[in-house]
PDB file of all heavy atoms in Angstrom:
ATOM      1  N   GLN A   1     -28.467 102.766 -97.861  1.00  0.00           N
ATOM      2  CA  GLN A   1     -28.143 103.424 -96.596  1.00  0.00           C
ATOM      3  C   GLN A   1     -29.007 104.648 -96.394  1.00  0.00           C
ATOM      4  O   GLN A   1     -29.380 105.338 -97.350  1.00  0.00           O
ATOM      5  CB  GLN A   1     -26.679 103.864 -96.584  1.00  0.00           C
ATOM      6  CG  GLN A   1     -25.676 102.770 -96.276  1.00  0.00           C
ATOM      7  CD  GLN A   1     -24.291 103.328 -96.067  1.00  0.00           C
ATOM      8  OE1 GLN A   1     -23.845 104.197 -96.807  1.00  0.00           O
ATOM      9  NE2 GLN A   1     -23.598 102.847 -95.045  1.00  0.00           N
ATOM     10  N   LEU A   2     -29.281 104.933 -95.135  1.00  0.00           N
ATOM     11  CA  LEU A   2     -29.919 106.187 -94.733  1.00  0.00           C
ATOM     12  C   LEU A   2     -28.937 106.888 -93.806  1.00  0.00           C
ATOM     13  O   LEU A   2     -28.481 106.305 -92.820  1.00  0.00           O
ATOM     14  CB  LEU A   2     -31.224 105.939 -93.995  1.00  0.00           C
ATOM     15  CG  LEU A   2     -32.406 105.412 -94.802  1.00  0.00           C
ATOM     16  CD1 LEU A   2     -33.553 105.059 -93.871  1.00  0.00           C
ATOM     17  CD2 LEU A   2     -32.847 106.443 -95.824  1.00  0.00           C
ATOM     18  N   VAL A   3     -28.623 108.131 -94.127  1.00  0.00           N
ATOM     19  CA  VAL A   3     -27.667 108.882 -93.328  1.00  0.00           C
ATOM     20  C   VAL A   3     -28.305 110.186 -92.883  1.00  0.00           C
ATOM     21  O   VAL A   3     -28.711 111.013 -93.712  1.00  0.00           O
ATOM     22  CB  VAL A   3     -26.381 109.168 -94.111  1.00  0.00           C
ATOM     23  CG1 VAL A   3     -25.410 109.990 -93.265  1.00  0.00           C
ATOM     24  CG2 VAL A   3     -25.726 107.855 -94.548  1.00  0.00           C
ATOM     25  N   GLU A   4     -28.375 110.365 -91.556  1.00  0.00           N
ATOM     26  CA  GLU A   4     -28.955 111.590 -91.009  1.00  0.00           C
ATOM     27  C   GLU A   4     -27.871 112.636 -90.809  1.00  0.00           C
ATOM     28  O   GLU A   4     -26.700 112.316 -90.608  1.00  0.00           O
ATOM     29  CB  GLU A   4     -29.613 111.326 -89.650  1.00  0.00           C
ATOM     30  CG  GLU A   4     -30.732 110.328 -89.652  1.00  0.00           C
ATOM     31  CD  GLU A   4     -30.316 108.978 -89.116  1.00  0.00           C
ATOM     32  OE1 GLU A   4     -29.110 108.688 -89.161  1.00  0.00           O
ATOM     33  OE2 GLU A   4     -31.201 108.215 -88.670  1.00  0.00           O
ATOM     34  N   SER A   5     -28.287 113.877 -90.819  1.00  0.00           N
ATOM     35  CA  SER A   5     -27.406 114.990 -90.471  1.00  0.00           C
ATOM     36  C   SER A   5     -28.244 116.056 -89.789  1.00  0.00           C
ATOM     37  O   SER A   5     -29.463 116.076 -89.920  1.00  0.00           O
ATOM     38  CB  SER A   5     -26.704 115.558 -91.701  1.00  0.00           C
ATOM     39  OG  SER A   5     -27.644 116.022 -92.637  1.00  0.00           O
ATOM     40  N   GLY A   6     -27.543 116.938 -89.048  1.00  0.00           N
ATOM     41  CA  GLY A   6     -28.232 118.042 -88.401  1.00  0.00           C
ATOM     42  C   GLY A   6     -28.302 117.918 -86.890  1.00  0.00           C
ATOM     43  O   GLY A   6     -29.061 118.642 -86.252  1.00  0.00           O
ATOM     44  N   ARG A   7     -27.486 117.042 -86.323  1.00  0.00           N
ATOM     45  CA  ARG A   7     -27.507 116.901 -84.868  1.00  0.00           C
ATOM     46  C   ARG A   7     -27.107 118.209 -84.208  1.00  0.00           C
ATOM     47  O   ARG A   7     -26.388 119.032 -84.798  1.00  0.00           O
ATOM     48  CB  ARG A   7     -26.551 115.801 -84.437  1.00  0.00           C
ATOM     49  CG  ARG A   7     -25.088 116.106 -84.699  1.00  0.00           C
ATOM     50  CD  ARG A   7     -24.225 114.918 -84.333  1.00  0.00           C
ATOM     51  NE  ARG A   7     -24.304 114.631 -82.924  1.00  0.00           N
ATOM     52  CZ  ARG A   7     -24.007 113.435 -82.404  1.00  0.00           C
ATOM     53  NH1 ARG A   7     -23.648 112.447 -83.192  1.00  0.00           N
ATOM     54  NH2 ARG A   7     -24.072 113.233 -81.109  1.00  0.00           N
ATOM     55  N   GLY A   8     -27.579 118.406 -82.966  1.00  0.00           N
ATOM     56  CA  GLY A   8     -27.177 119.642 -82.321  1.00  0.00           C
ATOM     57  C   GLY A   8     -27.707 119.796 -80.921  1.00  0.00           C
ATOM     58  O   GLY A   8     -28.531 119.022 -80.441  1.00  0.00           O
ATOM     59  N   LEU A   9     -27.168 120.824 -80.283  1.00  0.00           N
ATOM     60  CA  LEU A   9     -27.578 121.248 -78.958  1.00  0.00           C
ATOM     61  C   LEU A   9     -28.199 122.627 -79.104  1.00  0.00           C
ATOM     62  O   LEU A   9     -27.540 123.553 -79.600  1.00  0.00           O
ATOM     63  CB  LEU A   9     -26.373 121.303 -78.016  1.00  0.00           C
ATOM     64  CG  LEU A   9     -26.576 121.960 -76.649  1.00  0.00           C
ATOM     65  CD1 LEU A   9     -27.604 121.193 -75.842  1.00  0.00           C
ATOM     66  CD2 LEU A   9     -25.254 122.067 -75.910  1.00  0.00           C
ATOM     67  N   VAL A  10     -29.452 122.749 -78.708  1.00  0.00           N
ATOM     68  CA  VAL A  10     -30.135 124.035 -78.810  1.00  0.00           C
ATOM     69  C   VAL A  10     -30.825 124.347 -77.503  1.00  0.00           C
ATOM     70  O   VAL A  10     -31.114 123.444 -76.706  1.00  0.00           O
ATOM     71  CB  VAL A  10     -31.170 124.047 -79.952  1.00  0.00           C
ATOM     72  CG1 VAL A  10     -30.487 123.855 -81.289  1.00  0.00           C
ATOM     73  CG2 VAL A  10     -32.242 123.004 -79.731  1.00  0.00           C
ATOM     74  N   GLN A  11     -31.106 125.622 -77.300  1.00  0.00           N
ATOM     75  CA  GLN A  11     -31.859 126.033 -76.130  1.00  0.00           C
ATOM     76  C   GLN A  11     -33.355 125.856 -76.374  1.00  0.00           C
ATOM     77  O   GLN A  11     -33.810 125.860 -77.524  1.00  0.00           O
ATOM     78  CB  GLN A  11     -31.564 127.493 -75.788  1.00  0.00           C
ATOM     79  CG  GLN A  11     -30.163 127.720 -75.265  1.00  0.00           C
ATOM     80  CD  GLN A  11     -29.967 129.143 -74.795  1.00  0.00           C
ATOM     81  OE1 GLN A  11     -30.566 130.069 -75.324  1.00  0.00           O
ATOM     82  NE2 GLN A  11     -29.102 129.330 -73.798  1.00  0.00           N
ATOM     83  N   ALA A  12     -34.092 125.706 -75.312  1.00  0.00           N
ATOM     84  CA  ALA A  12     -35.542 125.608 -75.417  1.00  0.00           C
ATOM     85  C   ALA A  12     -36.084 126.809 -76.189  1.00  0.00           C
ATOM     86  O   ALA A  12     -35.634 127.949 -75.974  1.00  0.00           O
ATOM     87  CB  ALA A  12     -36.172 125.544 -74.040  1.00  0.00           C
ATOM     88  N   GLY A  13     -37.009 126.528 -77.082  1.00  0.00           N
ATOM     89  CA  GLY A  13     -37.555 127.571 -77.931  1.00  0.00           C
ATOM     90  C   GLY A  13     -36.844 127.717 -79.259  1.00  0.00           C
ATOM     91  O   GLY A  13     -37.329 128.414 -80.161  1.00  0.00           O
ATOM     92  N   GLY A  14     -35.712 127.065 -79.382  1.00  0.00           N
ATOM     93  CA  GLY A  14     -34.935 127.157 -80.602  1.00  0.00           C
ATOM     94  C   GLY A  14     -35.418 126.208 -81.680  1.00  0.00           C
ATOM     95  O   GLY A  14     -36.418 125.498 -81.521  1.00  0.00           O
ATOM     96  N   SER A  15     -34.685 126.229 -82.787  1.00  0.00           N
ATOM     97  CA  SER A  15     -35.048 125.413 -83.953  1.00  0.00           C
ATOM     98  C   SER A  15     -33.862 124.593 -84.419  1.00  0.00           C
ATOM     99  O   SER A  15     -32.704 124.966 -84.191  1.00  0.00           O
ATOM    100  CB  SER A  15     -35.521 126.314 -85.105  1.00  0.00           C
ATOM    101  OG  SER A  15     -36.681 127.024 -84.754  1.00  0.00           O
ATOM    102  N   LEU A  16     -34.191 123.510 -85.087  1.00  0.00           N
ATOM    103  CA  LEU A  16     -33.163 122.642 -85.655  1.00  0.00           C
ATOM    104  C   LEU A  16     -33.784 121.913 -86.838  1.00  0.00           C
ATOM    105  O   LEU A  16     -34.973 121.589 -86.827  1.00  0.00           O
ATOM    106  CB  LEU A  16     -32.696 121.639 -84.606  1.00  0.00           C
ATOM    107  CG  LEU A  16     -31.361 120.931 -84.802  1.00  0.00           C
ATOM    108  CD1 LEU A  16     -30.220 121.953 -84.843  1.00  0.00           C
ATOM    109  CD2 LEU A  16     -31.120 119.935 -83.678  1.00  0.00           C
ATOM    110  N   ARG A  17     -32.972 121.683 -87.850  1.00  0.00           N
ATOM    111  CA  ARG A  17     -33.455 120.954 -89.025  1.00  0.00           C
ATOM    112  C   ARG A  17     -32.616 119.694 -89.210  1.00  0.00           C
ATOM    113  O   ARG A  17     -31.389 119.760 -89.293  1.00  0.00           O
ATOM    114  CB  ARG A  17     -33.357 121.819 -90.277  1.00  0.00           C
ATOM    115  CG  ARG A  17     -34.030 121.203 -91.498  1.00  0.00           C
ATOM    116  CD  ARG A  17     -33.685 121.969 -92.747  1.00  0.00           C
ATOM    117  NE  ARG A  17     -34.563 121.647 -93.867  1.00  0.00           N
ATOM    118  CZ  ARG A  17     -34.170 121.667 -95.140  1.00  0.00           C
ATOM    119  NH1 ARG A  17     -32.919 121.992 -95.436  1.00  0.00           N
ATOM    120  NH2 ARG A  17     -35.019 121.385 -96.104  1.00  0.00           N
ATOM    121  N   LEU A  18     -33.293 118.573 -89.285  1.00  0.00           N
ATOM    122  CA  LEU A  18     -32.641 117.304 -89.556  1.00  0.00           C
ATOM    123  C   LEU A  18     -32.855 116.931 -91.020  1.00  0.00           C
ATOM    124  O   LEU A  18     -33.920 117.175 -91.580  1.00  0.00           O
ATOM    125  CB  LEU A  18     -33.204 116.198 -88.664  1.00  0.00           C
ATOM    126  CG  LEU A  18     -33.124 116.426 -87.151  1.00  0.00           C
ATOM    127  CD1 LEU A  18     -33.684 115.213 -86.416  1.00  0.00           C
ATOM    128  CD2 LEU A  18     -31.714 116.709 -86.715  1.00  0.00           C
ATOM    129  N   SER A  19     -31.825 116.329 -91.592  1.00  0.00           N
ATOM    130  CA  SER A  19     -31.913 115.848 -92.962  1.00  0.00           C
ATOM    131  C   SER A  19     -31.542 114.379 -92.989  1.00  0.00           C
ATOM    132  O   SER A  19     -30.758 113.898 -92.157  1.00  0.00           O
ATOM    133  CB  SER A  19     -30.951 116.617 -93.869  1.00  0.00           C
ATOM    134  OG  SER A  19     -31.233 117.994 -93.865  1.00  0.00           O
ATOM    135  N   CYS A  20     -32.074 113.684 -93.956  1.00  0.00           N
ATOM    136  CA  CYS A  20     -31.758 112.266 -94.114  1.00  0.00           C
ATOM    137  C   CYS A  20     -31.675 111.962 -95.601  1.00  0.00           C
ATOM    138  O   CYS A  20     -32.605 112.260 -96.350  1.00  0.00           O
ATOM    139  CB  CYS A  20     -32.823 111.403 -93.457  1.00  0.00           C
ATOM    140  SG  CYS A  20     -32.638 109.633 -93.735  1.00  0.00           S
ATOM    141  N   ALA A  21     -30.552 111.379 -95.987  1.00  0.00           N
ATOM    142  CA  ALA A  21     -30.328 111.055 -97.393  1.00  0.00           C
ATOM    143  C   ALA A  21     -30.277 109.547 -97.581  1.00  0.00           C
ATOM    144  O   ALA A  21     -29.556 108.851 -96.854  1.00  0.00           O
ATOM    145  CB  ALA A  21     -29.021 111.689 -97.866  1.00  0.00           C
ATOM    146  N   ALA A  22     -31.030 109.080 -98.545  1.00  0.00           N
ATOM    147  CA  ALA A  22     -30.991 107.672 -98.910  1.00  0.00           C
ATOM    148  C   ALA A  22     -30.047 107.496-100.086  1.00  0.00           C
ATOM    149  O   ALA A  22     -30.058 108.290-101.026  1.00  0.00           O
ATOM    150  CB  ALA A  22     -32.383 107.184 -99.277  1.00  0.00           C
ATOM    151  N   SER A  23     -29.220 106.457-100.024  1.00  0.00           N
ATOM    152  CA  SER A  23     -28.266 106.212-101.104  1.00  0.00           C
ATOM    153  C   SER A  23     -28.167 104.713-101.361  1.00  0.00           C
ATOM    154  O   SER A  23     -28.602 103.892-100.553  1.00  0.00           O
ATOM    155  CB  SER A  23     -26.895 106.784-100.748  1.00  0.00           C
ATOM    156  OG  SER A  23     -26.369 106.137 -99.604  1.00  0.00           O
ATOM    157  N   GLY A  24     -27.559 104.382-102.493  1.00  0.00           N
ATOM    158  CA  GLY A  24     -27.430 102.987-102.870  1.00  0.00           C
ATOM    159  C   GLY A  24     -28.306 102.690-104.069  1.00  0.00           C
ATOM    160  O   GLY A  24     -28.778 103.584-104.762  1.00  0.00           O
ATOM    161  N   LEU A  25     -28.539 101.403-104.279  1.00  0.00           N
ATOM    162  CA  LEU A  25     -29.367 100.983-105.400  1.00  0.00           C
ATOM    163  C   LEU A  25     -30.834 101.108-104.996  1.00  0.00           C
ATOM    164  O   LEU A  25     -31.388 100.226-104.356  1.00  0.00           O
ATOM    165  CB  LEU A  25     -29.040  99.548-105.802  1.00  0.00           C
ATOM    166  CG  LEU A  25     -29.829  99.001-107.000  1.00  0.00           C
ATOM    167  CD1 LEU A  25     -29.623  99.886-108.225  1.00  0.00           C
ATOM    168  CD2 LEU A  25     -29.443  97.564-107.287  1.00  0.00           C
ATOM    169  N   ILE A  26     -31.436 102.224-105.354  1.00  0.00           N
ATOM    170  CA  ILE A  26     -32.804 102.517-104.943  1.00  0.00           C
ATOM    171  C   ILE A  26     -33.735 102.394-106.126  1.00  0.00           C
ATOM    172  O   ILE A  26     -33.591 103.112-107.110  1.00  0.00           O
ATOM    173  CB  ILE A  26     -32.891 103.930-104.332  1.00  0.00           C
ATOM    174  CG1 ILE A  26     -32.035 104.016-103.068  1.00  0.00           C
ATOM    175  CG2 ILE A  26     -34.342 104.285-104.025  1.00  0.00           C
ATOM    176  CD1 ILE A  26     -31.892 105.420-102.512  1.00  0.00           C
ATOM    177  N   LEU A  27     -34.679 101.467-106.002  1.00  0.00           N
ATOM    178  CA  LEU A  27     -35.678 101.295-107.048  1.00  0.00           C
ATOM    179  C   LEU A  27     -36.971 102.019-106.695  1.00  0.00           C
ATOM    180  O   LEU A  27     -37.674 102.516-107.578  1.00  0.00           O
ATOM    181  CB  LEU A  27     -35.939  99.813-107.277  1.00  0.00           C
ATOM    182  CG  LEU A  27     -34.705  98.979-107.662  1.00  0.00           C
ATOM    183  CD1 LEU A  27     -35.071  97.518-107.806  1.00  0.00           C
ATOM    184  CD2 LEU A  27     -34.064  99.514-108.928  1.00  0.00           C
ATOM    185  N   SER A  28     -37.272 102.040-105.398  1.00  0.00           N
ATOM    186  CA  SER A  28     -38.475 102.737-104.973  1.00  0.00           C
ATOM    187  C   SER A  28     -38.341 103.122-103.504  1.00  0.00           C
ATOM    188  O   SER A  28     -37.700 102.432-102.730  1.00  0.00           O
ATOM    189  CB  SER A  28     -39.716 101.855-105.150  1.00  0.00           C
ATOM    190  OG  SER A  28     -39.668 100.737-104.279  1.00  0.00           O
ATOM    191  N   ILE A  29     -38.945 104.249-103.163  1.00  0.00           N
ATOM    192  CA  ILE A  29     -39.057 104.682-101.768  1.00  0.00           C
ATOM    193  C   ILE A  29     -40.510 105.003-101.503  1.00  0.00           C
ATOM    194  O   ILE A  29     -41.089 105.850-102.181  1.00  0.00           O
ATOM    195  CB  ILE A  29     -38.192 105.910-101.455  1.00  0.00           C
ATOM    196  CG1 ILE A  29     -36.721 105.648-101.768  1.00  0.00           C
ATOM    197  CG2 ILE A  29     -38.353 106.293 -99.977  1.00  0.00           C
ATOM    198  CD1 ILE A  29     -35.813 106.835-101.475  1.00  0.00           C
ATOM    199  N   ASN A  30     -41.084 104.335-100.563  1.00  0.00           N
ATOM    200  CA  ASN A  30     -42.468 104.612-100.206  1.00  0.00           C
ATOM    201  C   ASN A  30     -42.480 105.544 -98.996  1.00  0.00           C
ATOM    202  O   ASN A  30     -41.964 106.639 -99.041  1.00  0.00           O
ATOM    203  CB  ASN A  30     -43.225 103.312-100.001  1.00  0.00           C
ATOM    204  CG  ASN A  30     -43.363 102.564-101.324  1.00  0.00           C
ATOM    205  OD1 ASN A  30     -43.773 103.128-102.336  1.00  0.00           O
ATOM    206  ND2 ASN A  30     -43.011 101.301-101.327  1.00  0.00           N
ATOM    207  N   GLY A  31     -43.051 105.115 -97.898  1.00  0.00           N
ATOM    208  CA  GLY A  31     -43.129 105.995 -96.742  1.00  0.00           C
ATOM    209  C   GLY A  31     -41.761 106.321 -96.172  1.00  0.00           C
ATOM    210  O   GLY A  31     -40.852 105.505 -96.167  1.00  0.00           O
TER     211      GLY A  31
END
């Protein structure tokens, strides 16, 4: 699974950080 977090409402000029976590049986992650 890939689960994103960090959704939001911001004003123009503002900043936001999104994160994404991979979970499960992971043998390799490329791009």
